[in-house]
Amino acid sequence: MPKAKKPRIPSLVKAAEAYKANLLNRNVLLVGIDREGNVGVQQFRFLARHFRHLTGVRTTQNIKAVDFFNRCVEHRIADSDIREDPSGFAELKLQASKAMFKPDLSATYFGDANGSRLYVQADKYAGNNWACLGFVEDSGWHDPMTMLDSPVEKEISQSRKFRVIAVFTKAVTESRYGAPIKVALRERDSWDKIQSMLPAGFSYLSL
């Protein structure tokens, strides 16, 4: 068993600042293609209340999720607010946040969960060869519910794995996405063909 220790406050504050700058109150839309040429899209939502659960940090008192985020981002979180972490998972999650709390989630693949993590409820994952975020559907949206220092390809079904070819982002209050923030087309990829296969609600997307 690892020695119990508290997550470091500077790491927690940096994670909160990155979350606020890049993801807070935003939707992220991933467009991808699988090995058969099928097009997939996945839309995620990031709110203040998601931050605490993603970090895995437990508090010594009943601090509500939004208040916890505000304390972190405003540098008001204290060492006395944080419980020891016997598992060491919180520190690993904070390490993973360096890649995941980016506007494009540093995502190279996304897809359906393969069900290998029996105690994690995520039904979708997105990430890269180092870390990933797990998402669960909530009222028609997919909200983040876990962060893992694990390659995304280890967590997703190989039959429902999509290589990211474009990433779009917008404020949750906006109705449509604008220009992509990331384009990862390969030489054999045709955006015109991909665009023609997008769901009707996203057929307006353009590079």
Protein backbone atom coordinates (compact mmCIF):
# COMPACT_ATOMS: atom_id res chain seq x y z
CA MET A 1 0.00 0.00 0.00
CA PRO A 2 1.36 3.46 -0.86
CA LYS A 3 1.91 5.87 1.98
CA ALA A 4 -1.09 8.14 2.58
CA LYS A 5 -0.43 11.72 1.61
CA LYS A 6 -2.35 14.81 0.64
CA PRO A 7 -2.55 16.08 -2.95
CA ARG A 8 -0.33 19.13 -3.29
CA ILE A 9 -2.12 22.48 -3.22
CA PRO A 10 0.00 24.04 -6.02
CA SER A 11 -0.91 21.12 -8.33
CA LEU A 12 -4.58 21.50 -7.47
CA VAL A 13 -4.53 25.26 -8.09
CA LYS A 14 -2.78 24.85 -11.45
CA ALA A 15 -5.33 22.25 -12.51
CA ALA A 16 -8.21 24.57 -11.56
CA GLU A 17 -6.64 27.47 -13.47
CA ALA A 18 -6.21 25.31 -16.57
CA TYR A 19 -9.78 24.02 -16.30
CA LYS A 20 -11.12 27.57 -16.04
CA ALA A 21 -9.02 28.90 -18.91
CA ASN A 22 -9.68 26.06 -21.35
CA LEU A 23 -12.86 24.15 -20.51
CA LEU A 24 -15.13 25.89 -18.01
CA ASN A 25 -18.67 26.38 -19.35
CA ARG A 26 -17.71 25.07 -22.76
CA ASN A 27 -18.77 22.31 -25.12
CA VAL A 28 -16.12 20.32 -26.95
CA LEU A 29 -17.06 18.45 -30.13
CA LEU A 30 -14.81 15.71 -31.49
CA VAL A 31 -15.20 14.51 -35.07
CA GLY A 32 -13.53 11.22 -35.90
CA ILE A 33 -13.31 8.35 -38.34
CA ASP A 34 -12.96 4.62 -37.65
CA ARG A 35 -10.94 2.01 -39.53
CA GLU A 36 -13.92 1.22 -41.77
CA GLY A 37 -14.32 4.85 -42.81
CA ASN A 38 -17.37 5.51 -40.66
CA VAL A 39 -17.68 9.00 -39.19
CA GLY A 40 -18.41 9.56 -35.51
CA VAL A 41 -19.05 12.69 -33.46
CA GLN A 42 -19.04 13.15 -29.71
CA GLN A 43 -20.03 16.27 -27.80
CA PHE A 44 -18.94 16.95 -24.23
CA ARG A 45 -19.92 19.56 -21.63
CA PHE A 46 -17.67 20.99 -18.91
CA LEU A 47 -19.11 22.80 -15.88
CA ALA A 48 -17.63 23.97 -12.57
CA ARG A 49 -19.31 21.15 -10.66
CA HIS A 50 -17.36 18.53 -12.62
CA PHE A 51 -13.91 19.67 -11.48
CA ARG A 52 -13.72 18.13 -8.00
CA HIS A 53 -14.77 14.67 -9.12
CA LEU A 54 -12.21 14.70 -11.93
CA THR A 55 -9.37 15.43 -9.50
CA GLY A 56 -10.37 12.67 -7.10
CA VAL A 57 -9.64 15.01 -4.18
CA ARG A 58 -11.63 14.49 -0.98
CA THR A 59 -12.26 17.28 1.46
CA THR A 60 -12.27 17.33 5.25
CA GLN A 61 -15.60 19.14 5.39
CA ASN A 62 -18.74 19.23 3.28
CA ILE A 63 -17.51 21.61 0.60
CA LYS A 64 -19.88 21.67 -2.33
CA ALA A 65 -18.41 20.96 -5.76
CA VAL A 66 -18.73 24.48 -7.19
CA ASP A 67 -17.39 26.06 -3.99
CA PHE A 68 -14.45 23.66 -4.09
CA PHE A 69 -13.62 24.73 -7.65
CA ASN A 70 -13.90 28.42 -6.74
CA ARG A 71 -11.63 28.01 -3.73
CA CYS A 72 -9.03 26.32 -5.89
CA VAL A 73 -9.08 28.79 -8.75
CA GLU A 74 -9.10 31.77 -6.36
CA HIS A 75 -6.19 30.33 -4.32
CA ARG A 76 -8.40 29.99 -1.24
CA ILE A 77 -8.10 26.23 -0.84
CA ALA A 78 -6.18 25.30 2.30
CA ASP A 79 -4.21 22.22 3.24
CA SER A 80 -6.64 21.72 6.12
CA ASP A 81 -9.48 21.39 3.57
CA ILE A 82 -7.89 18.31 1.94
CA ARG A 83 -7.96 14.74 3.21
CA GLU A 84 -5.07 12.34 2.89
CA ASP A 85 -5.22 10.13 -0.19
CA PRO A 86 -4.24 6.54 0.69
CA SER A 87 -4.56 5.33 -2.91
CA GLY A 88 -2.43 8.01 -4.54
CA PHE A 89 -5.03 8.30 -7.30
CA ALA A 90 -5.64 12.02 -6.77
CA GLU A 91 -1.99 12.86 -7.45
CA LEU A 92 -2.07 10.72 -10.60
CA LYS A 93 -5.23 12.48 -11.77
CA LEU A 94 -3.64 15.88 -11.20
CA GLN A 95 -0.70 14.74 -13.32
CA ALA A 96 -3.12 13.65 -16.06
CA SER A 97 -4.85 17.05 -15.92
CA LYS A 98 -1.77 18.64 -17.50
CA ALA A 99 -2.75 16.94 -20.76
CA MET A 100 -6.50 16.66 -20.38
CA PHE A 101 -7.36 20.22 -19.31
CA LYS A 102 -6.63 21.59 -22.77
CA PRO A 103 -9.13 23.14 -25.24
CA ASP A 104 -8.90 20.05 -27.47
CA LEU A 105 -8.51 17.58 -24.55
CA SER A 106 -5.24 16.57 -26.27
CA ALA A 107 -7.48 13.92 -27.82
CA THR A 108 -6.25 11.56 -30.51
CA TYR A 109 -9.02 8.96 -30.13
CA PHE A 110 -12.49 8.64 -28.64
CA GLY A 111 -15.04 5.87 -28.40
CA ASP A 112 -17.31 3.66 -26.35
CA ALA A 113 -16.04 2.25 -23.07
CA ASN A 114 -14.98 -1.38 -23.36
CA GLY A 115 -16.38 -2.25 -19.93
CA SER A 116 -13.06 -3.38 -18.47
CA ARG A 117 -13.34 -1.01 -15.49
CA LEU A 118 -16.16 -2.55 -13.51
CA TYR A 119 -16.30 0.20 -10.89
CA VAL A 120 -16.23 3.14 -13.31
CA GLN A 121 -19.54 4.21 -14.84
CA ALA A 122 -18.10 6.01 -17.88
CA ASP A 123 -19.68 5.03 -21.19
CA LYS A 124 -17.37 7.16 -23.41
CA TYR A 125 -13.66 7.98 -23.30
CA ALA A 126 -11.49 10.53 -25.08
CA GLY A 127 -7.78 11.09 -24.78
CA ASN A 128 -4.33 10.10 -26.00
CA ASN A 129 -1.63 7.50 -25.40
CA TRP A 130 -0.95 8.80 -21.90
CA ALA A 131 -4.23 9.83 -20.27
CA CYS A 132 -7.95 10.07 -20.90
CA LEU A 133 -11.25 11.43 -19.63
CA GLY A 134 -14.31 9.28 -19.05
CA PHE A 135 -17.81 10.61 -19.68
CA VAL A 136 -21.35 9.64 -18.74
CA GLU A 137 -24.59 10.75 -20.34
CA ASP A 138 -26.65 13.23 -18.34
CA SER A 139 -29.86 14.70 -19.76
CA GLY A 140 -28.71 14.36 -23.33
CA TRP A 141 -25.16 15.59 -22.67
CA HIS A 142 -21.96 13.70 -21.97
CA ASP A 143 -20.36 15.10 -18.83
CA PRO A 144 -16.86 14.24 -17.53
CA MET A 145 -16.90 11.91 -14.55
CA THR A 146 -13.39 10.50 -14.29
CA MET A 147 -9.81 11.16 -15.35
CA LEU A 148 -7.31 8.34 -15.77
CA ASP A 149 -3.55 8.18 -16.27
CA SER A 150 -4.23 5.40 -18.76
CA PRO A 151 -3.97 5.30 -22.58
CA VAL A 152 -7.37 5.92 -24.14
CA GLU A 153 -6.95 2.92 -26.46
CA LYS A 154 -6.83 0.70 -23.36
CA GLU A 155 -10.26 1.97 -22.27
CA ILE A 156 -12.30 2.02 -25.49
CA SER A 157 -13.86 -0.69 -27.62
CA GLN A 158 -11.73 -1.40 -30.68
CA SER A 159 -14.88 -1.79 -32.77
CA ARG A 160 -16.08 1.67 -31.71
CA LYS A 161 -12.79 3.56 -31.80
CA PHE A 162 -12.60 6.84 -33.71
CA ARG A 163 -9.43 8.67 -34.68
CA VAL A 164 -9.86 12.39 -34.04
CA ILE A 165 -9.73 14.43 -37.25
CA ALA A 166 -11.18 17.73 -36.00
CA VAL A 167 -12.04 19.42 -32.72
CA PHE A 168 -14.55 22.25 -32.30
CA THR A 169 -15.37 24.21 -29.15
CA LYS A 170 -17.92 26.80 -28.09
CA ALA A 171 -19.45 28.38 -25.00
CA VAL A 172 -22.37 26.37 -23.62
CA THR A 173 -24.63 29.37 -24.30
CA GLU A 174 -23.79 29.40 -28.03
CA SER A 175 -25.90 27.42 -30.46
CA ARG A 176 -23.31 26.62 -33.13
CA TYR A 177 -19.64 25.79 -33.41
CA GLY A 178 -17.31 28.02 -35.40
CA ALA A 179 -13.94 27.19 -36.94
CA PRO A 180 -12.11 24.13 -35.59
CA ILE A 181 -9.36 24.58 -33.02
CA LYS A 182 -7.62 21.42 -34.21
CA VAL A 183 -7.49 19.65 -37.58
CA ALA A 184 -5.72 16.29 -37.89
CA LEU A 185 -6.63 15.11 -41.38
CA ARG A 186 -4.34 12.55 -42.97
CA GLU A 187 -3.51 12.51 -46.66
CA ARG A 188 -6.17 9.89 -47.42
CA ASP A 189 -8.91 11.73 -45.48
CA SER A 190 -11.46 13.76 -47.44
CA TRP A 191 -13.25 16.44 -45.44
CA ASP A 192 -15.93 16.77 -48.13
CA LYS A 193 -16.76 13.08 -47.75
CA ILE A 194 -16.60 13.27 -43.96
CA GLN A 195 -18.83 16.34 -43.91
CA SER A 196 -21.44 14.54 -46.04
CA MET A 197 -21.58 11.77 -43.41
CA LEU A 198 -22.03 14.02 -40.38
CA PRO A 199 -25.34 13.91 -38.48
CA ALA A 200 -27.83 16.52 -39.73
CA GLY A 201 -27.31 18.74 -36.68
CA PHE A 202 -23.60 19.07 -37.47
CA SER A 203 -23.64 19.17 -41.27
CA TYR A 204 -22.79 22.88 -41.16
CA LEU A 205 -19.34 22.24 -39.68
CA SER A 206 -16.56 23.46 -41.92
CA LEU A 207 -12.78 23.51 -41.89
